Amino acid sequence: MDHLLLSSVQSRNIGPDTLIWQFTIVLPGAVIGRNCNINSHCFIENKVKIGDNVTVKCGVYLWDGVTIEDNVHLGPNVTFTNDLYPRSKHKFSLLETTVRKGASVGANATILCGVTIGEYALIGAGSVVTKDVPGNTLWVGNPARQRGYVCNCGNKLNDRMTCLQCRKEYKLDNGVVRAI
């Protein structure tokens, strides 16, 4: 645990088996679940909640109002914003941002504040998410747009809404992806 000596971990709300690597700052109000891996050069502000089994890769800053649910993967340098109309030294309304259970966000993606990324959604590297993302959908680009559907295991579904990796089948039910 020598790497903790090179970090500033001020929160006592950190679950067992969670690793926090060097050059990371965790403010006292942050809540981090069990079995998480918080890589180096991260910043976690006071009003942040991180669930269990979450991976936060290097260079991710989590600002007040961000909630990361269980089993989420945040790739390197994922950027969360905290102000839609930034100006120096002004007050702003804190908009909550949520990444739901099982979702993955690719490297260098930008997530605007106030959005929700649905369960098991997949955000491609470098994408800019400006609106809510439904569960089990694949979004890429700037601005990010839906480009398909993904299985809970993370693989893209084919045209018949079947995962070729785990063979799980899905259906669309009023625009919502559901496992059969």
N, C-alpha and C. Protein backbone atom coordinates (compact mmCIF):
# COMPACT_ATOMS: atom_id res chain seq x y z
N MET A 1 0.81 -1.20 0.00
CA MET A 1 0.00 0.00 0.00
C MET A 1 0.86 1.26 0.00
N ASP A 2 2.12 1.16 -0.38
CA ASP A 2 2.98 2.35 -0.42
C ASP A 2 2.44 3.42 -1.36
N HIS A 3 1.69 3.00 -2.40
CA HIS A 3 1.17 3.98 -3.35
C HIS A 3 0.19 4.94 -2.68
N LEU A 4 -0.47 4.52 -1.58
CA LEU A 4 -1.39 5.42 -0.87
C LEU A 4 -0.64 6.59 -0.25
N LEU A 5 0.63 6.42 0.05
CA LEU A 5 1.41 7.52 0.59
C LEU A 5 1.58 8.64 -0.43
N LEU A 6 1.40 8.33 -1.69
CA LEU A 6 1.54 9.32 -2.76
C LEU A 6 0.19 9.85 -3.20
N SER A 7 -0.87 9.55 -2.45
CA SER A 7 -2.22 10.01 -2.74
C SER A 7 -2.77 10.76 -1.54
N SER A 8 -3.86 11.48 -1.77
CA SER A 8 -4.55 12.16 -0.68
C SER A 8 -5.96 11.56 -0.60
N VAL A 9 -6.10 10.52 0.22
CA VAL A 9 -7.38 9.84 0.38
C VAL A 9 -7.97 10.29 1.71
N GLN A 10 -8.94 11.23 1.63
CA GLN A 10 -9.51 11.84 2.82
C GLN A 10 -10.82 11.20 3.24
N SER A 11 -11.45 10.42 2.39
CA SER A 11 -12.72 9.78 2.70
C SER A 11 -12.51 8.54 3.54
N ARG A 12 -13.42 8.33 4.48
CA ARG A 12 -13.44 7.09 5.26
C ARG A 12 -14.54 6.16 4.75
N ASN A 13 -15.21 6.57 3.68
CA ASN A 13 -16.33 5.81 3.11
C ASN A 13 -15.88 5.02 1.89
N ILE A 14 -14.92 4.14 2.11
CA ILE A 14 -14.36 3.34 1.02
C ILE A 14 -14.49 1.86 1.39
N GLY A 15 -15.10 1.09 0.49
CA GLY A 15 -15.35 -0.31 0.77
C GLY A 15 -14.10 -1.17 0.76
N PRO A 16 -14.22 -2.38 1.31
CA PRO A 16 -13.08 -3.31 1.34
C PRO A 16 -12.64 -3.72 -0.06
N ASP A 17 -11.37 -4.04 -0.16
CA ASP A 17 -10.74 -4.53 -1.39
C ASP A 17 -10.72 -3.49 -2.51
N THR A 18 -10.95 -2.23 -2.19
CA THR A 18 -10.82 -1.16 -3.18
C THR A 18 -9.38 -0.69 -3.22
N LEU A 19 -8.84 -0.56 -4.42
CA LEU A 19 -7.47 -0.08 -4.61
C LEU A 19 -7.51 1.36 -5.13
N ILE A 20 -6.72 2.22 -4.51
CA ILE A 20 -6.59 3.60 -4.96
C ILE A 20 -5.10 3.85 -5.20
N TRP A 21 -4.77 4.17 -6.45
CA TRP A 21 -3.37 4.26 -6.85
C TRP A 21 -2.80 5.66 -6.63
N GLN A 22 -1.53 5.80 -6.90
CA GLN A 22 -0.78 7.02 -6.60
C GLN A 22 -1.31 8.24 -7.36
N PHE A 23 -1.05 9.40 -6.75
CA PHE A 23 -1.38 10.72 -7.33
C PHE A 23 -2.88 10.90 -7.55
N THR A 24 -3.67 10.28 -6.68
CA THR A 24 -5.13 10.40 -6.72
C THR A 24 -5.60 11.16 -5.49
N ILE A 25 -6.61 12.00 -5.67
CA ILE A 25 -7.20 12.75 -4.56
C ILE A 25 -8.64 12.31 -4.40
N VAL A 26 -9.01 11.92 -3.17
CA VAL A 26 -10.38 11.55 -2.84
C VAL A 26 -10.80 12.45 -1.68
N LEU A 27 -11.77 13.33 -1.91
CA LEU A 27 -12.20 14.26 -0.87
C LEU A 27 -13.05 13.55 0.19
N PRO A 28 -13.19 14.15 1.38
CA PRO A 28 -13.79 13.44 2.52
C PRO A 28 -15.23 12.99 2.35
N GLY A 29 -16.03 13.66 1.54
CA GLY A 29 -17.43 13.28 1.40
C GLY A 29 -17.69 12.22 0.36
N ALA A 30 -16.69 11.82 -0.40
CA ALA A 30 -16.87 10.81 -1.45
C ALA A 30 -17.19 9.45 -0.84
N VAL A 31 -18.02 8.68 -1.56
CA VAL A 31 -18.37 7.32 -1.15
C VAL A 31 -17.95 6.39 -2.28
N ILE A 32 -17.11 5.42 -1.94
CA ILE A 32 -16.61 4.46 -2.93
C ILE A 32 -16.90 3.06 -2.41
N GLY A 33 -17.50 2.22 -3.25
CA GLY A 33 -17.88 0.87 -2.88
C GLY A 33 -16.70 -0.08 -2.76
N ARG A 34 -17.05 -1.36 -2.68
CA ARG A 34 -16.04 -2.41 -2.50
C ARG A 34 -15.50 -2.89 -3.84
N ASN A 35 -14.28 -3.41 -3.79
CA ASN A 35 -13.65 -4.05 -4.94
C ASN A 35 -13.54 -3.13 -6.16
N CYS A 36 -13.28 -1.86 -5.91
CA CYS A 36 -13.09 -0.90 -7.02
C CYS A 36 -11.61 -0.76 -7.31
N ASN A 37 -11.28 -0.30 -8.49
CA ASN A 37 -9.90 -0.03 -8.88
C ASN A 37 -9.86 1.40 -9.40
N ILE A 38 -9.35 2.31 -8.58
CA ILE A 38 -9.22 3.72 -8.94
C ILE A 38 -7.76 3.94 -9.33
N ASN A 39 -7.50 4.14 -10.61
CA ASN A 39 -6.13 4.25 -11.11
C ASN A 39 -5.51 5.59 -10.73
N SER A 40 -4.28 5.79 -11.13
CA SER A 40 -3.54 7.00 -10.76
C SER A 40 -4.06 8.24 -11.47
N HIS A 41 -3.72 9.39 -10.89
CA HIS A 41 -4.05 10.70 -11.46
C HIS A 41 -5.55 10.92 -11.61
N CYS A 42 -6.32 10.50 -10.61
CA CYS A 42 -7.77 10.72 -10.60
C CYS A 42 -8.11 11.71 -9.50
N PHE A 43 -9.28 12.33 -9.62
CA PHE A 43 -9.79 13.25 -8.61
C PHE A 43 -11.25 12.92 -8.37
N ILE A 44 -11.61 12.74 -7.09
CA ILE A 44 -12.99 12.39 -6.74
C ILE A 44 -13.47 13.39 -5.70
N GLU A 45 -14.46 14.21 -6.10
CA GLU A 45 -14.95 15.28 -5.26
C GLU A 45 -15.90 14.76 -4.18
N ASN A 46 -16.37 15.66 -3.29
CA ASN A 46 -17.15 15.30 -2.11
C ASN A 46 -18.49 14.61 -2.39
N LYS A 47 -19.27 15.13 -3.30
CA LYS A 47 -20.63 14.62 -3.53
C LYS A 47 -20.63 13.63 -4.70
N VAL A 48 -19.74 12.66 -4.61
CA VAL A 48 -19.60 11.62 -5.63
C VAL A 48 -19.89 10.28 -4.97
N LYS A 49 -20.66 9.45 -5.66
CA LYS A 49 -20.94 8.09 -5.19
C LYS A 49 -20.48 7.11 -6.26
N ILE A 50 -19.67 6.15 -5.84
CA ILE A 50 -19.18 5.10 -6.74
C ILE A 50 -19.60 3.77 -6.14
N GLY A 51 -20.24 2.93 -6.96
CA GLY A 51 -20.72 1.63 -6.51
C GLY A 51 -19.62 0.61 -6.36
N ASP A 52 -19.99 -0.65 -6.34
CA ASP A 52 -19.07 -1.77 -6.19
C ASP A 52 -18.54 -2.20 -7.56
N ASN A 53 -17.32 -2.77 -7.55
CA ASN A 53 -16.71 -3.37 -8.74
C ASN A 53 -16.55 -2.39 -9.89
N VAL A 54 -16.22 -1.17 -9.58
CA VAL A 54 -16.06 -0.12 -10.59
C VAL A 54 -14.57 0.04 -10.93
N THR A 55 -14.28 0.22 -12.21
CA THR A 55 -12.93 0.54 -12.65
C THR A 55 -12.92 1.98 -13.15
N VAL A 56 -12.02 2.77 -12.58
CA VAL A 56 -11.82 4.16 -13.01
C VAL A 56 -10.37 4.24 -13.48
N LYS A 57 -10.17 4.36 -14.79
CA LYS A 57 -8.82 4.40 -15.35
C LYS A 57 -8.18 5.77 -15.12
N CYS A 58 -6.90 5.88 -15.45
CA CYS A 58 -6.10 7.09 -15.18
C CYS A 58 -6.72 8.35 -15.78
N GLY A 59 -6.60 9.43 -15.03
CA GLY A 59 -6.96 10.75 -15.55
C GLY A 59 -8.44 11.07 -15.54
N VAL A 60 -9.23 10.37 -14.75
CA VAL A 60 -10.67 10.64 -14.68
C VAL A 60 -10.94 11.51 -13.46
N TYR A 61 -11.69 12.62 -13.66
CA TYR A 61 -12.08 13.51 -12.58
C TYR A 61 -13.59 13.41 -12.41
N LEU A 62 -14.01 13.08 -11.18
CA LEU A 62 -15.43 12.93 -10.88
C LEU A 62 -15.85 14.09 -9.98
N TRP A 63 -16.69 14.97 -10.52
CA TRP A 63 -17.11 16.19 -9.83
C TRP A 63 -18.36 15.95 -9.01
N ASP A 64 -18.64 16.87 -8.08
CA ASP A 64 -19.87 16.81 -7.28
C ASP A 64 -21.06 16.53 -8.18
N GLY A 65 -21.94 15.64 -7.72
CA GLY A 65 -23.16 15.32 -8.46
C GLY A 65 -23.04 14.12 -9.38
N VAL A 66 -21.86 13.50 -9.46
CA VAL A 66 -21.69 12.33 -10.33
C VAL A 66 -21.91 11.06 -9.50
N THR A 67 -22.76 10.18 -10.03
CA THR A 67 -22.99 8.87 -9.44
C THR A 67 -22.60 7.81 -10.45
N ILE A 68 -21.77 6.89 -10.00
CA ILE A 68 -21.32 5.77 -10.83
C ILE A 68 -21.85 4.50 -10.14
N GLU A 69 -22.75 3.79 -10.80
CA GLU A 69 -23.33 2.59 -10.19
C GLU A 69 -22.39 1.39 -10.31
N ASP A 70 -22.82 0.23 -9.82
CA ASP A 70 -22.00 -0.98 -9.77
C ASP A 70 -21.56 -1.44 -11.17
N ASN A 71 -20.36 -2.04 -11.20
CA ASN A 71 -19.83 -2.73 -12.39
C ASN A 71 -19.65 -1.82 -13.60
N VAL A 72 -19.35 -0.56 -13.37
CA VAL A 72 -19.11 0.39 -14.45
C VAL A 72 -17.62 0.44 -14.76
N HIS A 73 -17.29 0.65 -16.03
CA HIS A 73 -15.91 0.86 -16.46
C HIS A 73 -15.80 2.25 -17.07
N LEU A 74 -14.90 3.07 -16.52
CA LEU A 74 -14.61 4.39 -17.08
C LEU A 74 -13.19 4.35 -17.63
N GLY A 75 -13.06 4.49 -18.95
CA GLY A 75 -11.76 4.42 -19.60
C GLY A 75 -10.88 5.61 -19.28
N PRO A 76 -9.62 5.55 -19.73
CA PRO A 76 -8.67 6.62 -19.44
C PRO A 76 -9.17 7.99 -19.92
N ASN A 77 -9.00 8.98 -19.07
CA ASN A 77 -9.29 10.38 -19.40
C ASN A 77 -10.74 10.66 -19.78
N VAL A 78 -11.68 9.84 -19.30
CA VAL A 78 -13.09 10.19 -19.46
C VAL A 78 -13.31 11.51 -18.73
N THR A 79 -14.01 12.44 -19.38
CA THR A 79 -14.22 13.76 -18.80
C THR A 79 -15.70 13.97 -18.48
N PHE A 80 -15.96 14.30 -17.23
CA PHE A 80 -17.30 14.69 -16.78
C PHE A 80 -17.29 16.20 -16.60
N THR A 81 -18.34 16.87 -17.06
CA THR A 81 -18.43 18.30 -16.82
C THR A 81 -19.34 18.55 -15.62
N ASN A 82 -19.26 19.76 -15.08
CA ASN A 82 -20.10 20.07 -13.93
C ASN A 82 -20.84 21.39 -14.07
N ASP A 83 -20.75 22.03 -15.22
CA ASP A 83 -21.38 23.33 -15.42
C ASP A 83 -21.66 23.49 -16.91
N LEU A 84 -22.95 23.68 -17.27
CA LEU A 84 -23.30 23.84 -18.68
C LEU A 84 -22.90 25.20 -19.25
N TYR A 85 -22.79 26.19 -18.37
CA TYR A 85 -22.45 27.55 -18.81
C TYR A 85 -21.30 28.08 -17.95
N PRO A 86 -20.09 27.55 -18.14
CA PRO A 86 -18.99 27.88 -17.24
C PRO A 86 -18.50 29.33 -17.37
N ARG A 87 -18.33 29.94 -16.22
CA ARG A 87 -17.69 31.25 -16.08
C ARG A 87 -16.87 31.19 -14.80
N SER A 88 -15.81 31.92 -14.76
CA SER A 88 -14.97 31.95 -13.58
C SER A 88 -15.71 32.55 -12.39
N LYS A 89 -15.66 31.85 -11.27
CA LYS A 89 -16.17 32.33 -9.99
C LYS A 89 -17.64 32.71 -10.00
N HIS A 90 -18.47 31.93 -10.65
CA HIS A 90 -19.91 32.18 -10.60
C HIS A 90 -20.61 30.97 -9.98
N LYS A 91 -21.77 31.19 -9.45
CA LYS A 91 -22.56 30.10 -8.90
C LYS A 91 -23.33 29.44 -10.03
N PHE A 92 -23.50 28.15 -9.92
CA PHE A 92 -24.24 27.42 -10.95
C PHE A 92 -25.10 26.36 -10.29
N SER A 93 -26.09 25.91 -11.03
CA SER A 93 -26.95 24.84 -10.54
C SER A 93 -26.27 23.51 -10.80
N LEU A 94 -26.13 22.73 -9.76
CA LEU A 94 -25.49 21.43 -9.88
C LEU A 94 -26.46 20.45 -10.53
N LEU A 95 -26.10 19.95 -11.70
CA LEU A 95 -26.91 18.96 -12.40
C LEU A 95 -26.29 17.60 -12.16
N GLU A 96 -27.11 16.66 -11.72
CA GLU A 96 -26.60 15.33 -11.41
C GLU A 96 -26.40 14.50 -12.68
N THR A 97 -25.32 13.75 -12.68
CA THR A 97 -24.96 12.88 -13.79
C THR A 97 -24.87 11.46 -13.24
N THR A 98 -25.46 10.50 -13.96
CA THR A 98 -25.46 9.12 -13.48
C THR A 98 -25.01 8.18 -14.59
N VAL A 99 -24.11 7.28 -14.24
CA VAL A 99 -23.74 6.18 -15.13
C VAL A 99 -24.28 4.92 -14.46
N ARG A 100 -25.26 4.30 -15.11
CA ARG A 100 -25.98 3.16 -14.53
C ARG A 100 -25.16 1.87 -14.58
N LYS A 101 -25.63 0.91 -13.82
CA LYS A 101 -25.00 -0.40 -13.64
C LYS A 101 -24.54 -1.01 -14.96
N GLY A 102 -23.29 -1.48 -14.96
CA GLY A 102 -22.77 -2.26 -16.07
C GLY A 102 -22.37 -1.48 -17.30
N ALA A 103 -22.54 -0.16 -17.30
CA ALA A 103 -22.18 0.64 -18.48
C ALA A 103 -20.66 0.77 -18.60
N SER A 104 -20.20 1.05 -19.83
CA SER A 104 -18.79 1.29 -20.09
C SER A 104 -18.65 2.57 -20.91
N VAL A 105 -17.68 3.38 -20.51
CA VAL A 105 -17.41 4.64 -21.20
C VAL A 105 -15.97 4.60 -21.69
N GLY A 106 -15.79 4.74 -23.02
CA GLY A 106 -14.47 4.62 -23.63
C GLY A 106 -13.56 5.80 -23.37
N ALA A 107 -12.28 5.59 -23.60
CA ALA A 107 -11.24 6.59 -23.36
C ALA A 107 -11.56 7.92 -24.03
N ASN A 108 -11.28 8.99 -23.30
CA ASN A 108 -11.42 10.36 -23.80
C ASN A 108 -12.83 10.78 -24.14
N ALA A 109 -13.84 10.02 -23.73
CA ALA A 109 -15.22 10.46 -23.94
C ALA A 109 -15.50 11.63 -23.00
N THR A 110 -16.40 12.51 -23.42
CA THR A 110 -16.84 13.64 -22.60
C THR A 110 -18.32 13.46 -22.30
N ILE A 111 -18.66 13.58 -21.02
CA ILE A 111 -20.04 13.41 -20.58
C ILE A 111 -20.51 14.74 -20.01
N LEU A 112 -21.48 15.38 -20.68
CA LEU A 112 -22.01 16.64 -20.16
C LEU A 112 -22.82 16.39 -18.90
N CYS A 113 -22.81 17.36 -17.99
CA CYS A 113 -23.54 17.19 -16.74
C CYS A 113 -25.03 17.13 -17.00
N GLY A 114 -25.73 16.43 -16.11
CA GLY A 114 -27.17 16.31 -16.20
C GLY A 114 -27.67 15.14 -17.01
N VAL A 115 -26.78 14.34 -17.57
CA VAL A 115 -27.24 13.20 -18.37
C VAL A 115 -27.17 11.91 -17.57
N THR A 116 -27.93 10.93 -18.05
CA THR A 116 -27.88 9.58 -17.49
C THR A 116 -27.49 8.62 -18.59
N ILE A 117 -26.51 7.79 -18.31
CA ILE A 117 -26.11 6.72 -19.23
C ILE A 117 -26.73 5.45 -18.68
N GLY A 118 -27.56 4.79 -19.49
CA GLY A 118 -28.35 3.64 -19.05
C GLY A 118 -27.53 2.40 -18.78
N GLU A 119 -28.19 1.43 -18.13
CA GLU A 119 -27.56 0.16 -17.77
C GLU A 119 -26.98 -0.53 -19.01
N TYR A 120 -25.75 -0.99 -18.87
CA TYR A 120 -25.05 -1.78 -19.89
C TYR A 120 -24.85 -1.04 -21.21
N ALA A 121 -25.04 0.27 -21.21
CA ALA A 121 -24.76 1.06 -22.43
C ALA A 121 -23.25 1.08 -22.66
N LEU A 122 -22.88 1.36 -23.90
CA LEU A 122 -21.48 1.44 -24.28
C LEU A 122 -21.25 2.75 -25.02
N ILE A 123 -20.35 3.57 -24.49
CA ILE A 123 -20.00 4.85 -25.10
C ILE A 123 -18.62 4.68 -25.73
N GLY A 124 -18.52 4.93 -27.04
CA GLY A 124 -17.26 4.76 -27.76
C GLY A 124 -16.23 5.79 -27.38
N ALA A 125 -14.96 5.43 -27.55
CA ALA A 125 -13.85 6.32 -27.25
C ALA A 125 -14.00 7.64 -27.99
N GLY A 126 -13.74 8.73 -27.30
CA GLY A 126 -13.75 10.06 -27.90
C GLY A 126 -15.12 10.65 -28.14
N SER A 127 -16.18 9.96 -27.75
CA SER A 127 -17.54 10.45 -27.98
C SER A 127 -17.87 11.60 -27.03
N VAL A 128 -18.81 12.44 -27.45
CA VAL A 128 -19.28 13.55 -26.62
C VAL A 128 -20.77 13.32 -26.36
N VAL A 129 -21.11 12.95 -25.13
CA VAL A 129 -22.49 12.62 -24.77
C VAL A 129 -23.19 13.88 -24.28
N THR A 130 -24.23 14.30 -25.02
CA THR A 130 -24.94 15.54 -24.71
C THR A 130 -26.37 15.31 -24.23
N LYS A 131 -26.81 14.03 -24.26
CA LYS A 131 -28.18 13.73 -23.82
C LYS A 131 -28.21 12.33 -23.24
N ASP A 132 -29.33 12.00 -22.60
CA ASP A 132 -29.48 10.69 -21.97
C ASP A 132 -29.28 9.56 -22.98
N VAL A 133 -28.68 8.48 -22.50
CA VAL A 133 -28.38 7.30 -23.31
C VAL A 133 -29.18 6.12 -22.75
N PRO A 134 -30.06 5.51 -23.55
CA PRO A 134 -30.82 4.35 -23.07
C PRO A 134 -29.92 3.15 -22.80
N GLY A 135 -30.40 2.24 -21.96
CA GLY A 135 -29.66 1.04 -21.64
C GLY A 135 -29.43 0.15 -22.85
N ASN A 136 -28.32 -0.61 -22.82
CA ASN A 136 -27.96 -1.58 -23.85
C ASN A 136 -27.84 -0.96 -25.24
N THR A 137 -27.46 0.31 -25.31
CA THR A 137 -27.25 0.95 -26.61
C THR A 137 -25.79 1.34 -26.77
N LEU A 138 -25.36 1.42 -28.03
CA LEU A 138 -24.00 1.81 -28.40
C LEU A 138 -24.05 3.23 -28.97
N TRP A 139 -23.24 4.14 -28.39
CA TRP A 139 -23.21 5.54 -28.84
C TRP A 139 -21.78 5.93 -29.18
N VAL A 140 -21.61 6.59 -30.35
CA VAL A 140 -20.28 7.07 -30.75
C VAL A 140 -20.43 8.41 -31.46
N GLY A 141 -19.33 9.16 -31.49
CA GLY A 141 -19.26 10.39 -32.27
C GLY A 141 -19.37 11.65 -31.44
N ASN A 142 -19.32 12.78 -32.17
CA ASN A 142 -19.41 14.11 -31.57
C ASN A 142 -20.36 14.96 -32.40
N PRO A 143 -21.59 15.18 -31.88
CA PRO A 143 -22.13 14.62 -30.66
C PRO A 143 -22.41 13.13 -30.82
N ALA A 144 -22.42 12.44 -29.70
CA ALA A 144 -22.65 10.99 -29.74
C ALA A 144 -24.06 10.69 -30.25
N ARG A 145 -24.14 9.68 -31.11
CA ARG A 145 -25.42 9.21 -31.64
C ARG A 145 -25.46 7.69 -31.51
N GLN A 146 -26.68 7.18 -31.41
CA GLN A 146 -26.83 5.74 -31.28
C GLN A 146 -26.44 5.05 -32.57
N ARG A 147 -25.61 3.99 -32.43
CA ARG A 147 -25.13 3.24 -33.59
C ARG A 147 -25.41 1.75 -33.48
N GLY A 148 -26.27 1.38 -32.54
CA GLY A 148 -26.59 -0.03 -32.41
C GLY A 148 -26.97 -0.37 -30.98
N TYR A 149 -26.97 -1.70 -30.72
CA TYR A 149 -27.35 -2.22 -29.41
C TYR A 149 -26.25 -3.14 -28.92
N VAL A 150 -26.12 -3.23 -27.60
CA VAL A 150 -25.09 -4.08 -27.02
C VAL A 150 -25.69 -5.02 -25.99
N CYS A 151 -25.05 -6.16 -25.85
CA CYS A 151 -25.41 -7.17 -24.86
C CYS A 151 -24.92 -6.74 -23.48
N ASN A 152 -25.47 -7.32 -22.45
CA ASN A 152 -24.95 -7.08 -21.11
C ASN A 152 -23.49 -7.46 -20.99
N CYS A 153 -23.02 -8.41 -21.82
CA CYS A 153 -21.61 -8.81 -21.77
C CYS A 153 -20.70 -7.82 -22.49
N GLY A 154 -21.28 -6.83 -23.18
CA GLY A 154 -20.49 -5.77 -23.79
C GLY A 154 -20.31 -5.87 -25.29
N ASN A 155 -20.74 -6.95 -25.89
CA ASN A 155 -20.58 -7.12 -27.33
C ASN A 155 -21.79 -6.57 -28.08
N LYS A 156 -21.53 -6.11 -29.31
CA LYS A 156 -22.60 -5.56 -30.15
C LYS A 156 -23.56 -6.66 -30.57
N LEU A 157 -24.85 -6.33 -30.57
CA LEU A 157 -25.87 -7.27 -31.01
C LEU A 157 -25.97 -7.24 -32.53
N ASN A 158 -26.29 -8.39 -33.13
CA ASN A 158 -26.47 -8.43 -34.58
C ASN A 158 -27.87 -7.91 -34.95
N ASP A 159 -28.22 -7.97 -36.22
CA ASP A 159 -29.50 -7.46 -36.70
C ASP A 159 -30.70 -8.20 -36.11
N ARG A 160 -30.48 -9.43 -35.65
CA ARG A 160 -31.55 -10.21 -35.03
C ARG A 160 -31.58 -10.03 -33.51
N MET A 161 -30.83 -9.02 -33.01
CA MET A 161 -30.76 -8.69 -31.58
C MET A 161 -30.22 -9.86 -30.76
N THR A 162 -29.21 -10.54 -31.31
CA THR A 162 -28.56 -11.66 -30.64
C THR A 162 -27.08 -11.35 -30.49
N CYS A 163 -26.53 -11.72 -29.35
CA CYS A 163 -25.10 -11.57 -29.11
C CYS A 163 -24.39 -12.80 -29.66
N LEU A 164 -23.42 -12.58 -30.54
CA LEU A 164 -22.69 -13.70 -31.13
C LEU A 164 -21.68 -14.30 -30.17
N GLN A 165 -21.35 -13.60 -29.09
CA GLN A 165 -20.39 -14.11 -28.11
C GLN A 165 -21.06 -15.02 -27.08
N CYS A 166 -22.09 -14.51 -26.40
CA CYS A 166 -22.71 -15.30 -25.32
C CYS A 166 -24.04 -15.91 -25.73
N ARG A 167 -24.51 -15.60 -26.95
CA ARG A 167 -25.75 -16.15 -27.53
C ARG A 167 -27.03 -15.65 -26.85
N LYS A 168 -26.94 -14.66 -26.01
CA LYS A 168 -28.13 -14.10 -25.37
C LYS A 168 -28.95 -13.36 -26.42
N GLU A 169 -30.27 -13.48 -26.30
CA GLU A 169 -31.18 -12.83 -27.24
C GLU A 169 -31.92 -11.69 -26.55
N TYR A 170 -32.19 -10.65 -27.33
CA TYR A 170 -32.87 -9.46 -26.82
C TYR A 170 -34.03 -9.12 -27.75
N LYS A 171 -34.91 -8.25 -27.26
CA LYS A 171 -35.97 -7.71 -28.11
C LYS A 171 -36.16 -6.24 -27.73
N LEU A 172 -36.71 -5.49 -28.68
CA LEU A 172 -37.07 -4.10 -28.41
C LEU A 172 -38.52 -4.07 -27.95
N ASP A 173 -38.77 -3.47 -26.82
CA ASP A 173 -40.10 -3.37 -26.23
C ASP A 173 -40.38 -1.90 -25.96
N ASN A 174 -41.13 -1.26 -26.88
CA ASN A 174 -41.41 0.19 -26.79
C ASN A 174 -40.12 1.01 -26.69
N GLY A 175 -39.14 0.66 -27.51
CA GLY A 175 -37.88 1.39 -27.54
C GLY A 175 -36.87 1.01 -26.48
N VAL A 176 -37.24 0.07 -25.61
CA VAL A 176 -36.35 -0.39 -24.54
C VAL A 176 -35.86 -1.78 -24.88
N VAL A 177 -34.53 -1.99 -24.73
CA VAL A 177 -33.94 -3.30 -25.01
C VAL A 177 -34.15 -4.20 -23.80
N ARG A 178 -34.67 -5.39 -24.06
CA ARG A 178 -34.93 -6.35 -22.98
C ARG A 178 -34.40 -7.72 -23.38
N ALA A 179 -33.80 -8.41 -22.42
CA ALA A 179 -33.35 -9.79 -22.66
C ALA A 179 -34.56 -10.70 -22.74
N ILE A 180 -34.47 -11.69 -23.63
CA ILE A 180 -35.57 -12.65 -23.77
C ILE A 180 -35.34 -13.80 -22.82
